Amino acid sequence: LLVAGPNSRHHEPLLCAYLQFITIDIFMQNYFARLWILSDDMQKTNLIIEGSNKDPTALDRIRYRICKIAEDIIKLEEMLGYLLEALDVIEIPPEPPEQAGRSLYERLEISGMRSQLLRRTTDLKKNVGGASRYLEVLREMTGIVAEDRAYNLQRQLETHAKKNLELQENSKQTRIQLTLMLFVFSALMAWGFLDRLTGNSWTVMNTEWANSLLNIIPTVPFAWFGVSLVVWVLIAFILYQYSQYLQRKSTGVTTVKIRFDKKVFVDKVYELISTKARTYEDRSISTLGYEVATFTYPEYDWGPNNGVPQIVLEFDVTNSYLLTAQITYNRREANNKILAFNSRDLQQRLIDEFNDMKIWDAAGEDHSAMALAIDRRRALEDEEEAEEAEE
């Protein structure tokens, strides 16, 4: 727009008002575009919430997205308030009396621009309000997902607690029974040893070396009974000390629990497990068709002289996720204490074995297609900066 002539300075208020309205109009166009981007982000968040039972890491991403979306809505509401305030403050200059001024006034349509912008701000206010209500719905859905996971976790904890109580009670009874069996076995062993020593019907008395030594026993009342009790107590003490030694040796256990929640290739996992001597396998199948498999196997390839770790892998077969891994290792079984594994060695060896088998599905872990618009823009800016730095 070019305005020239000797009286062009008289039309400067009209042009300034026009520029203000045009600037607000351009800003509102970008504001609408940002609202559509925000709506797309919320729709993708809704899809992630609906598929959260297929992704163990979905809840963290959902909470991050909702926080970012809430922050964007707050900023949009603040900007809308500033926009309405600006439209109220801007004054429309009166229509000029001369013909040229009236012609410019009608061409610029200044009188109708303000009302049009106010109607559009009303639409913006409705859209922002709708986005806020949609966000509340997403929050409620997220709360339902979190409560459902907490409920499932509580059920698992209750089941494990009941099993632990049963095992503890059974272990107490077993310990009492084993202690009684220890004393009974030591008595049988002691008296068997004495029977072998004296021979059948005391035939050892026919020998010269035992005749003088054992000749005194039949003459003393309860002498042989006392000898039997002494040998019984001695053998019971030896067996008890040996059992305590085995118990102390079994207490040097290191347990490493690793939470992965990473996408894997199921066929690669089965290929890895097929090379191991599986000692335990458990499969849990829900009514919705989700299958979780648990495999337990000893790891002999990490060094036979360093003890044999027991490894438990739990992974989601349906959704191809490695959930957890647990390594149980008795460091006192190692022949050399210097060669015994520590917790970091056990974790690193297991991860190295997974990397060697190439079980990780990196493409399945890529959620960039569902990322927020601001995160995608930041990623593009980082790529451009990296390219500039290389150049």
Foldseek 3Di string as FASTA:
>chain_A
DDDDDPCSVVCVLVVVLLVVLVVLVVVLVVLVVVLVLLVLLLVLLVVLLVCVVLFVCSLVVSVVSLVVSVVVLVVSVVVLVVSVVVLVPRDRDDQDPDPVSNVVCVVSVSVCSSVVVVVSSVVVVVSSVVSVVSSVVSVVSSVVVVVVVVVVVVVVVVVVVVVVVVVVVVVVVVVVVVLVVLLVVLLVVLVVVVCVVLDDVSPVCVDPVVVVVCVCQVVDPCSVVVVSVVSSVVSSVVVVVVVVVVVVQVPQKDKDKDFDSAAWDVVLVVVVCVVFDWDDKDWDADPVGKIKIKTWGWDCVVDVQQFIKIKIWIATPVSRTGGMMMIMTRRSSHPDNVPHDDRVRVVVVVVVVCVVSRTGDVVVVDPLVSDRPVVVVVVVVVVVVVVVVVD
